[in-house]
PDB file of N, CA and C in Angstrom:
ATOM      1  N   MET A   1     171.114  66.836  65.882  1.00  0.00           N
ATOM      2  CA  MET A   1     169.866  66.616  66.056  1.00  0.00           C
ATOM      3  C   MET A   1     169.542  65.384  65.004  1.00  0.00           C
ATOM      4  N   SER A   2     168.266  64.556  65.728  1.00  0.00           N
ATOM      5  CA  SER A   2     168.061  63.261  64.611  1.00  0.00           C
ATOM      6  C   SER A   2     167.311  63.381  63.341  1.00  0.00           C
ATOM      7  N   LYS A   3     167.530  62.706  62.713  1.00  0.00           N
ATOM      8  CA  LYS A   3     166.891  62.790  61.168  1.00  0.00           C
ATOM      9  C   LYS A   3     165.185  62.670  61.113  1.00  0.00           C
ATOM     10  N   LYS A   4     164.647  63.446  60.572  1.00  0.00           N
ATOM     11  CA  LYS A   4     162.758  63.166  60.716  1.00  0.00           C
ATOM     12  C   LYS A   4     162.009  62.185  59.983  1.00  0.00           C
ATOM     13  N   GLY A   5     161.227  61.929  60.360  1.00  0.00           N
ATOM     14  CA  GLY A   5     160.769  60.344  59.698  1.00  0.00           C
ATOM     15  C   GLY A   5     159.115  60.653  59.446  1.00  0.00           C
ATOM     16  N   ILE A   6     158.671  60.028  58.835  1.00  0.00           N
ATOM     17  CA  ILE A   6     157.558  60.021  58.456  1.00  0.00           C
ATOM     18  C   ILE A   6     156.583  59.034  59.190  1.00  0.00           C
ATOM     19  N   TYR A   7     155.343  59.548  60.322  1.00  0.00           N
ATOM     20  CA  TYR A   7     155.271  58.854  61.242  1.00  0.00           C
ATOM     21  C   TYR A   7     153.423  58.887  60.705  1.00  0.00           C
ATOM     22  N   THR A   8     153.158  57.667  60.780  1.00  0.00           N
ATOM     23  CA  THR A   8     151.397  57.485  60.459  1.00  0.00           C
ATOM     24  C   THR A   8     150.279  57.355  61.506  1.00  0.00           C
ATOM     25  N   ILE A   9     149.969  58.387  62.105  1.00  0.00           N
ATOM     26  CA  ILE A   9     149.253  58.465  63.196  1.00  0.00           C
ATOM     27  C   ILE A   9     147.689  57.900  63.254  1.00  0.00           C
ATOM     28  N   VAL A  10     147.039  56.833  63.883  1.00  0.00           N
ATOM     29  CA  VAL A  10     146.027  56.100  63.614  1.00  0.00           C
ATOM     30  C   VAL A  10     144.969  56.274  64.886  1.00  0.00           C
ATOM     31  N   LEU A  11     143.861  57.015  64.642  1.00  0.00           N
ATOM     32  CA  LEU A  11     143.207  57.178  65.763  1.00  0.00           C
ATOM     33  C   LEU A  11     141.916  56.588  65.592  1.00  0.00           C
ATOM     34  N   ASP A  12     141.623  55.734  66.669  1.00  0.00           N
ATOM     35  CA  ASP A  12     140.512  54.761  66.859  1.00  0.00           C
ATOM     36  C   ASP A  12     139.600  55.665  67.979  1.00  0.00           C
ATOM     37  N   TYR A  13     138.786  55.629  67.386  1.00  0.00           N
ATOM     38  CA  TYR A  13     137.386  56.275  68.274  1.00  0.00           C
ATOM     39  C   TYR A  13     136.122  56.205  67.727  1.00  0.00           C
ATOM     40  N   LYS A  14     134.884  55.231  68.523  1.00  0.00           N
ATOM     41  CA  LYS A  14     133.775  55.569  68.438  1.00  0.00           C
ATOM     42  C   LYS A  14     133.549  55.096  67.178  1.00  0.00           C
ATOM     43  N   GLY A  15     134.242  53.801  67.029  1.00  0.00           N
ATOM     44  CA  GLY A  15     133.840  52.958  65.837  1.00  0.00           C
ATOM     45  C   GLY A  15     134.265  53.114  64.354  1.00  0.00           C
ATOM     46  N   GLY A  16     135.321  54.658  64.805  1.00  0.00           N
ATOM     47  CA  GLY A  16     135.852  55.046  63.716  1.00  0.00           C
ATOM     48  C   GLY A  16     137.133  55.081  63.474  1.00  0.00           C
ATOM     49  N   THR A  17     137.974  54.830  62.086  1.00  0.00           N
ATOM     50  CA  THR A  17     139.138  54.718  62.176  1.00  0.00           C
ATOM     51  C   THR A  17     139.999  55.941  61.554  1.00  0.00           C
ATOM     52  N   TYR A  18     141.075  56.763  61.822  1.00  0.00           N
ATOM     53  CA  TYR A  18     141.476  58.123  61.420  1.00  0.00           C
ATOM     54  C   TYR A  18     142.569  58.034  60.903  1.00  0.00           C
ATOM     55  N   ILE A  19     143.390  58.005  59.811  1.00  0.00           N
ATOM     56  CA  ILE A  19     144.986  58.144  59.379  1.00  0.00           C
ATOM     57  C   ILE A  19     145.243  59.007  58.855  1.00  0.00           C
ATOM     58  N   ALA A  20     146.387  59.526  59.099  1.00  0.00           N
ATOM     59  CA  ALA A  20     147.102  60.840  58.703  1.00  0.00           C
ATOM     60  C   ALA A  20     148.955  60.383  58.615  1.00  0.00           C
ATOM     61  N   GLN A  21     149.289  60.735  58.041  1.00  0.00           N
ATOM     62  CA  GLN A  21     150.989  61.127  58.498  1.00  0.00           C
ATOM     63  C   GLN A  21     151.772  62.594  58.465  1.00  0.00           C
ATOM     64  N   VAL A  22     152.672  62.515  59.326  1.00  0.00           N
ATOM     65  CA  VAL A  22     153.143  63.640  59.474  1.00  0.00           C
ATOM     66  C   VAL A  22     154.777  63.781  59.224  1.00  0.00           C
ATOM     67  N   THR A  23     155.590  64.680  59.340  1.00  0.00           N
ATOM     68  CA  THR A  23     157.055  64.256  59.092  1.00  0.00           C
ATOM     69  C   THR A  23     157.223  64.760  60.700  1.00  0.00           C
ATOM     70  N   ALA A  24     158.191  64.091  61.305  1.00  0.00           N
ATOM     71  CA  ALA A  24     158.613  64.595  62.742  1.00  0.00           C
ATOM     72  C   ALA A  24     160.136  64.405  63.381  1.00  0.00           C
ATOM     73  N   HIS A  25     160.490  64.567  64.300  1.00  0.00           N
ATOM     74  CA  HIS A  25     161.647  63.926  65.041  1.00  0.00           C
ATOM     75  C   HIS A  25     161.806  62.752  65.471  1.00  0.00           C
ATOM     76  N   SER A  26     159.982  62.486  66.258  1.00  0.00           N
ATOM     77  CA  SER A  26     159.922  61.293  67.242  1.00  0.00           C
ATOM     78  C   SER A  26     158.342  61.262  67.064  1.00  0.00           C
ATOM     79  N   PRO A  27     158.378  59.952  67.556  1.00  0.00           N
ATOM     80  CA  PRO A  27     156.813  59.993  68.092  1.00  0.00           C
ATOM     81  C   PRO A  27     155.881  61.429  69.192  1.00  0.00           C
ATOM     82  N   VAL A  28     156.708  61.325  69.885  1.00  0.00           N
ATOM     83  CA  VAL A  28     155.977  62.228  70.812  1.00  0.00           C
ATOM     84  C   VAL A  28     155.960  63.716  69.953  1.00  0.00           C
ATOM     85  N   ALA A  29     156.727  63.871  69.145  1.00  0.00           N
ATOM     86  CA  ALA A  29     156.684  65.011  68.153  1.00  0.00           C
ATOM     87  C   ALA A  29     155.794  65.120  67.311  1.00  0.00           C
ATOM     88  N   ALA A  30     155.626  64.125  66.753  1.00  0.00           N
ATOM     89  CA  ALA A  30     154.434  63.817  65.865  1.00  0.00           C
ATOM     90  C   ALA A  30     152.672  64.142  65.985  1.00  0.00           C
ATOM     91  N   LEU A  31     153.388  63.456  67.372  1.00  0.00           N
ATOM     92  CA  LEU A  31     150.963  63.836  67.733  1.00  0.00           C
ATOM     93  C   LEU A  31     150.832  65.300  67.891  1.00  0.00           C
ATOM     94  N   PRO A  32     151.487  66.737  68.418  1.00  0.00           N
ATOM     95  CA  PRO A  32     150.998  67.727  68.217  1.00  0.00           C
ATOM     96  C   PRO A  32     151.123  68.260  66.791  1.00  0.00           C
ATOM     97  N   LYS A  33     151.877  68.048  65.924  1.00  0.00           N
ATOM     98  CA  LYS A  33     151.864  68.437  64.546  1.00  0.00           C
ATOM     99  C   LYS A  33     150.738  68.033  63.816  1.00  0.00           C
ATOM    100  N   TRP A  34     150.394  66.348  64.133  1.00  0.00           N
ATOM    101  CA  TRP A  34     149.387  65.783  63.709  1.00  0.00           C
ATOM    102  C   TRP A  34     147.945  66.394  64.137  1.00  0.00           C
ATOM    103  N   ALA A  35     147.865  66.664  65.042  1.00  0.00           N
ATOM    104  CA  ALA A  35     147.114  67.631  65.616  1.00  0.00           C
ATOM    105  C   ALA A  35     146.551  68.909  65.152  1.00  0.00           C
ATOM    106  N   SER A  36     147.346  69.443  64.656  1.00  0.00           N
ATOM    107  CA  SER A  36     147.476  70.914  64.227  1.00  0.00           C
ATOM    108  C   SER A  36     147.109  70.907  63.166  1.00  0.00           C
ATOM    109  N   LYS A  37     147.065  70.150  62.555  1.00  0.00           N
ATOM    110  CA  LYS A  37     146.696  69.950  60.981  1.00  0.00           C
ATOM    111  C   LYS A  37     145.107  68.910  61.004  1.00  0.00           C
ATOM    112  N   ILE A  38     144.654  69.029  61.990  1.00  0.00           N
ATOM    113  CA  ILE A  38     143.040  68.268  61.783  1.00  0.00           C
ATOM    114  C   ILE A  38     142.448  69.667  61.969  1.00  0.00           C
ATOM    115  N   LYS A  39     141.293  69.426  60.908  1.00  0.00           N
ATOM    116  CA  LYS A  39     140.449  70.725  60.431  1.00  0.00           C
ATOM    117  C   LYS A  39     139.180  70.691  61.531  1.00  0.00           C
ATOM    118  N   GLY A  40     138.951  71.768  61.942  1.00  0.00           N
ATOM    119  CA  GLY A  40     137.495  71.724  62.906  1.00  0.00           C
ATOM    120  C   GLY A  40     136.312  70.629  62.525  1.00  0.00           C
ATOM    121  N   GLU A  41     135.930  70.739  61.049  1.00  0.00           N
ATOM    122  CA  GLU A  41     134.839  69.779  60.466  1.00  0.00           C
ATOM    123  C   GLU A  41     135.110  68.434  60.854  1.00  0.00           C
ATOM    124  N   ALA A  42     136.769  68.105  60.789  1.00  0.00           N
ATOM    125  CA  ALA A  42     136.629  66.662  60.848  1.00  0.00           C
ATOM    126  C   ALA A  42     136.325  66.097  62.466  1.00  0.00           C
ATOM    127  N   LEU A  43     136.703  67.300  63.527  1.00  0.00           N
ATOM    128  CA  LEU A  43     136.458  67.036  64.743  1.00  0.00           C
ATOM    129  C   LEU A  43     135.206  66.750  65.195  1.00  0.00           C
ATOM    130  N   SER A  44     134.539  67.686  64.304  1.00  0.00           N
ATOM    131  CA  SER A  44     133.710  67.773  64.723  1.00  0.00           C
ATOM    132  C   SER A  44     132.406  66.203  64.113  1.00  0.00           C
ATOM    133  N   GLU A  45     132.916  65.681  63.208  1.00  0.00           N
ATOM    134  CA  GLU A  45     132.172  64.566  62.475  1.00  0.00           C
ATOM    135  C   GLU A  45     133.070  63.332  63.376  1.00  0.00           C
ATOM    136  N   TRP A  46     134.050  63.437  64.005  1.00  0.00           N
ATOM    137  CA  TRP A  46     134.585  62.310  64.105  1.00  0.00           C
ATOM    138  C   TRP A  46     133.616  62.662  66.241  1.00  0.00           C
ATOM    139  N   GLY A  47     133.188  63.461  66.531  1.00  0.00           N
ATOM    140  CA  GLY A  47     132.552  63.540  67.988  1.00  0.00           C
ATOM    141  C   GLY A  47     133.560  63.919  68.447  1.00  0.00           C
ATOM    142  N   ILE A  48     134.935  64.645  68.808  1.00  0.00           N
ATOM    143  CA  ILE A  48     135.733  64.833  69.659  1.00  0.00           C
ATOM    144  C   ILE A  48     136.209  66.133  69.504  1.00  0.00           C
ATOM    145  N   THR A  49     136.363  67.087  70.829  1.00  0.00           N
ATOM    146  CA  THR A  49     136.749  68.177  70.565  1.00  0.00           C
ATOM    147  C   THR A  49     137.927  68.344  70.972  1.00  0.00           C
ATOM    148  N   ARG A  50     139.103  69.595  70.240  1.00  0.00           N
ATOM    149  CA  ARG A  50     139.907  69.787  70.407  1.00  0.00           C
ATOM    150  C   ARG A  50     140.824  69.777  71.579  1.00  0.00           C
ATOM    151  N   ASP A  51     140.241  70.346  72.620  1.00  0.00           N
ATOM    152  CA  ASP A  51     141.035  70.250  73.849  1.00  0.00           C
ATOM    153  C   ASP A  51     140.890  68.739  74.252  1.00  0.00           C
ATOM    154  N   GLU A  52     140.116  68.203  74.238  1.00  0.00           N
ATOM    155  CA  GLU A  52     140.171  66.259  74.436  1.00  0.00           C
ATOM    156  C   GLU A  52     141.259  66.177  73.777  1.00  0.00           C
ATOM    157  N   LEU A  53     141.430  66.098  72.365  1.00  0.00           N
ATOM    158  CA  LEU A  53     142.757  65.650  71.922  1.00  0.00           C
ATOM    159  C   LEU A  53     143.463  66.343  72.264  1.00  0.00           C
ATOM    160  N   ALA A  54     143.648  67.280  72.405  1.00  0.00           N
ATOM    161  CA  ALA A  54     145.366  68.079  73.011  1.00  0.00           C
ATOM    162  C   ALA A  54     145.443  67.601  74.645  1.00  0.00           C
ATOM    163  N   LYS A  55     144.470  67.251  75.498  1.00  0.00           N
ATOM    164  CA  LYS A  55     144.891  66.649  76.481  1.00  0.00           C
ATOM    165  C   LYS A  55     144.962  64.848  75.995  1.00  0.00           C
ATOM    166  N   ILE A  56     145.017  64.619  75.270  1.00  0.00           N
ATOM    167  CA  ILE A  56     145.215  63.232  75.384  1.00  0.00           C
ATOM    168  C   ILE A  56     146.849  63.046  74.836  1.00  0.00           C
ATOM    169  N   ILE A  57     147.336  64.112  73.702  1.00  0.00           N
ATOM    170  CA  ILE A  57     148.447  64.055  73.247  1.00  0.00           C
ATOM    171  C   ILE A  57     149.208  64.747  74.427  1.00  0.00           C
ATOM    172  N   LYS A  58     149.174  65.634  74.770  1.00  0.00           N
ATOM    173  CA  LYS A  58     149.949  66.346  75.756  1.00  0.00           C
ATOM    174  C   LYS A  58     150.162  65.380  77.045  1.00  0.00           C
ATOM    175  N   SER A  59     149.955  64.108  77.254  1.00  0.00           N
ATOM    176  CA  SER A  59     150.098  63.735  78.218  1.00  0.00           C
ATOM    177  C   SER A  59     151.658  63.036  78.467  1.00  0.00           C
ATOM    178  N   ASP A  60     151.808  63.175  77.035  1.00  0.00           N
ATOM    179  CA  ASP A  60     153.604  62.428  77.043  1.00  0.00           C
ATOM    180  C   ASP A  60     153.574  61.472  77.449  1.00  0.00           C
ATOM    181  N   HIS A  61     152.496  60.040  77.120  1.00  0.00           N
ATOM    182  CA  HIS A  61     152.431  58.715  77.724  1.00  0.00           C
ATOM    183  C   HIS A  61     152.409  57.881  76.415  1.00  0.00           C
ATOM    184  N   VAL A  62     153.111  58.422  75.695  1.00  0.00           N
ATOM    185  CA  VAL A  62     153.398  57.584  74.001  1.00  0.00           C
ATOM    186  C   VAL A  62     154.051  56.136  74.712  1.00  0.00           C
ATOM    187  N   ILE A  63     153.517  55.145  74.718  1.00  0.00           N
ATOM    188  CA  ILE A  63     154.554  53.798  75.265  1.00  0.00           C
ATOM    189  C   ILE A  63     154.712  52.642  74.019  1.00  0.00           C
ATOM    190  N   PRO A  64     155.874  52.237  74.004  1.00  0.00           N
ATOM    191  CA  PRO A  64     156.113  51.235  72.917  1.00  0.00           C
ATOM    192  C   PRO A  64     155.121  50.152  73.036  1.00  0.00           C
ATOM    193  N   VAL A  65     154.649  49.781  71.757  1.00  0.00           N
ATOM    194  CA  VAL A  65     153.671  48.592  71.463  1.00  0.00           C
ATOM    195  C   VAL A  65     154.363  47.476  71.847  1.00  0.00           C
ATOM    196  N   ASP A  66     153.765  46.641  72.624  1.00  0.00           N
ATOM    197  CA  ASP A  66     154.483  45.045  73.158  1.00  0.00           C
ATOM    198  C   ASP A  66     154.876  44.581  71.769  1.00  0.00           C
ATOM    199  N   GLY A  67     156.021  43.794  71.323  1.00  0.00           N
ATOM    200  CA  GLY A  67     156.068  43.195  70.151  1.00  0.00           C
ATOM    201  C   GLY A  67     156.089  43.537  69.014  1.00  0.00           C
ATOM    202  N   CYS A  68     156.463  44.969  68.618  1.00  0.00           N
ATOM    203  CA  CYS A  68     156.051  45.230  67.523  1.00  0.00           C
ATOM    204  C   CYS A  68     157.384  46.314  67.576  1.00  0.00           C
ATOM    205  N   VAL A  69     158.047  46.494  66.815  1.00  0.00           N
ATOM    206  CA  VAL A  69     159.571  47.783  66.184  1.00  0.00           C
ATOM    207  C   VAL A  69     158.526  49.118  65.795  1.00  0.00           C
ATOM    208  N   ASN A  70     159.037  49.963  66.277  1.00  0.00           N
ATOM    209  CA  ASN A  70     158.664  51.208  65.472  1.00  0.00           C
ATOM    210  C   ASN A  70     157.154  52.045  65.735  1.00  0.00           C
ATOM    211  N   VAL A  71     156.481  51.070  66.758  1.00  0.00           N
ATOM    212  CA  VAL A  71     155.035  51.494  66.791  1.00  0.00           C
ATOM    213  C   VAL A  71     155.078  51.800  68.286  1.00  0.00           C
ATOM    214  N   TRP A  72     153.912  52.635  68.574  1.00  0.00           N
ATOM    215  CA  TRP A  72     153.957  53.587  70.056  1.00  0.00           C
ATOM    216  C   TRP A  72     152.300  53.401  69.974  1.00  0.00           C
ATOM    217  N   CYS A  73     151.899  54.113  71.292  1.00  0.00           N
ATOM    218  CA  CYS A  73     150.301  54.049  71.541  1.00  0.00           C
ATOM    219  C   CYS A  73     150.310  55.192  72.916  1.00  0.00           C
ATOM    220  N   THR A  74     149.361  55.657  72.422  1.00  0.00           N
ATOM    221  CA  THR A  74     148.669  56.476  73.599  1.00  0.00           C
ATOM    222  C   THR A  74     147.052  56.103  73.815  1.00  0.00           C
ATOM    223  N   SER A  75     146.093  56.515  75.251  1.00  0.00           N
ATOM    224  CA  SER A  75     145.138  57.015  74.678  1.00  0.00           C
ATOM    225  C   SER A  75     144.674  57.772  76.039  1.00  0.00           C
ATOM    226  N   GLY A  76     143.489  57.959  75.893  1.00  0.00           N
ATOM    227  CA  GLY A  76     142.593  59.007  76.600  1.00  0.00           C
ATOM    228  C   GLY A  76     141.126  58.767  76.619  1.00  0.00           C
ATOM    229  N   SER A  77     140.793  59.317  77.793  1.00  0.00           N
ATOM    230  CA  SER A  77     138.992  58.906  77.558  1.00  0.00           C
ATOM    231  C   SER A  77     138.567  60.788  76.956  1.00  0.00           C
ATOM    232  N   THR A  78     137.354  60.857  76.888  1.00  0.00           N
ATOM    233  CA  THR A  78     136.749  61.774  76.167  1.00  0.00           C
ATOM    234  C   THR A  78     135.314  61.894  76.575  1.00  0.00           C
ATOM    235  N   HIS A  79     134.454  62.832  76.274  1.00  0.00           N
ATOM    236  CA  HIS A  79     133.025  62.463  76.554  1.00  0.00           C
ATOM    237  C   HIS A  79     132.713  61.396  75.675  1.00  0.00           C
ATOM    238  N   GLY A  80     133.052  61.080  74.667  1.00  0.00           N
ATOM    239  CA  GLY A  80     132.422  59.942  74.131  1.00  0.00           C
ATOM    240  C   GLY A  80     132.756  58.508  73.672  1.00  0.00           C
ATOM    241  N   GLY A  81     133.971  58.674  75.092  1.00  0.00           N
ATOM    242  CA  GLY A  81     134.479  57.057  75.022  1.00  0.00           C
ATOM    243  C   GLY A  81     136.089  56.851  75.194  1.00  0.00           C
ATOM    244  N   LEU A  82     136.659  55.876  75.154  1.00  0.00           N
ATOM    245  CA  LEU A  82     137.974  55.894  74.934  1.00  0.00           C
ATOM    246  C   LEU A  82     138.632  56.295  73.250  1.00  0.00           C
ATOM    247  N   ALA A  83     139.324  57.211  73.270  1.00  0.00           N
ATOM    248  CA  ALA A  83     140.380  57.116  72.317  1.00  0.00           C
ATOM    249  C   ALA A  83     141.647  56.615  72.122  1.00  0.00           C
ATOM    250  N   LEU A  84     142.190  55.878  70.948  1.00  0.00           N
ATOM    251  CA  LEU A  84     143.276  55.434  71.327  1.00  0.00           C
ATOM    252  C   LEU A  84     144.349  56.032  69.998  1.00  0.00           C
ATOM    253  N   VAL A  85     145.000  56.341  70.065  1.00  0.00           N
ATOM    254  CA  VAL A  85     145.746  56.760  69.195  1.00  0.00           C
ATOM    255  C   VAL A  85     147.457  56.043  68.885  1.00  0.00           C
ATOM    256  N   ASN A  86     147.454  55.204  67.527  1.00  0.00           N
ATOM    257  CA  ASN A  86     148.734  54.493  67.607  1.00  0.00           C
ATOM    258  C   ASN A  86     149.551  55.761  66.496  1.00  0.00           C
ATOM    259  N   VAL A  87     150.961  55.667  66.697  1.00  0.00           N
ATOM    260  CA  VAL A  87     152.079  56.233  66.089  1.00  0.00           C
ATOM    261  C   VAL A  87     153.255  55.022  65.559  1.00  0.00           C
ATOM    262  N   ILE A  88     152.896  55.153  64.372  1.00  0.00           N
ATOM    263  CA  ILE A  88     154.168  54.173  63.741  1.00  0.00           C
ATOM    264  C   ILE A  88     155.089  54.803  62.599  1.00  0.00           C
ATOM    265  N   ALA A  89     156.277  54.477  63.060  1.00  0.00           N
ATOM    266  CA  ALA A  89     157.140  55.124  62.421  1.00  0.00           C
ATOM    267  C   ALA A  89     157.023  54.103  60.809  1.00  0.00           C
ATOM    268  N   THR A  90     156.891  55.150  60.130  1.00  0.00           N
ATOM    269  CA  THR A  90     156.617  54.654  58.740  1.00  0.00           C
ATOM    270  C   THR A  90     158.253  54.305  57.649  1.00  0.00           C
ATOM    271  N   ALA A  91     158.754  55.731  57.612  1.00  0.00           N
ATOM    272  CA  ALA A  91     159.926  55.730  56.785  1.00  0.00           C
ATOM    273  C   ALA A  91     160.605  56.971  57.302  1.00  0.00           C
ATOM    274  N   GLU A  92     162.114  57.006  56.576  1.00  0.00           N
ATOM    275  CA  GLU A  92     162.618  58.020  57.107  1.00  0.00           C
ATOM    276  C   GLU A  92     162.071  59.204  55.998  1.00  0.00           C
ATOM    277  N   SER A  93     161.997  60.778  56.346  1.00  0.00           N
ATOM    278  CA  SER A  93     161.697  61.933  55.869  1.00  0.00           C
ATOM    279  C   SER A  93     162.690  61.472  54.349  1.00  0.00           C
ATOM    280  N   PRO A  94     162.043  62.035  53.162  1.00  0.00           N
ATOM    281  CA  PRO A  94     163.401  62.247  52.152  1.00  0.00           C
ATOM    282  C   PRO A  94     163.417  63.677  52.373  1.00  0.00           C
ATOM    283  N   GLU A  95     163.015  64.335  53.236  1.00  0.00           N
ATOM    284  CA  GLU A  95     163.597  65.847  53.407  1.00  0.00           C
ATOM    285  C   GLU A  95     164.572  66.345  54.310  1.00  0.00           C
ATOM    286  N   ALA A  96     164.593  64.718  55.271  1.00  0.00           N
ATOM    287  CA  ALA A  96     165.467  64.853  56.278  1.00  0.00           C
ATOM    288  C   ALA A  96     167.317  65.469  56.069  1.00  0.00           C
TER     289      ALA A  96
END
């Protein structure tokens, strides 16, 4: 099994930028872990539904960002517009 890493998740949506960190084995595994930690109040403030966010992160279309190392992105449409999610491998987890 691979070591866990710390992933920084950056959501750009409707003019806002929302940043959090999670520990996971891969960028794909980091996304649902991140989404499960988001409180309903935050989603309401951001103007995105849990279902819309789940659809974006379940797409498994996390692609490497050209010209970058350990940076991936995914995106999707919501009722409020485009949501862009960047995933950055920030560090190896000390709990690995």
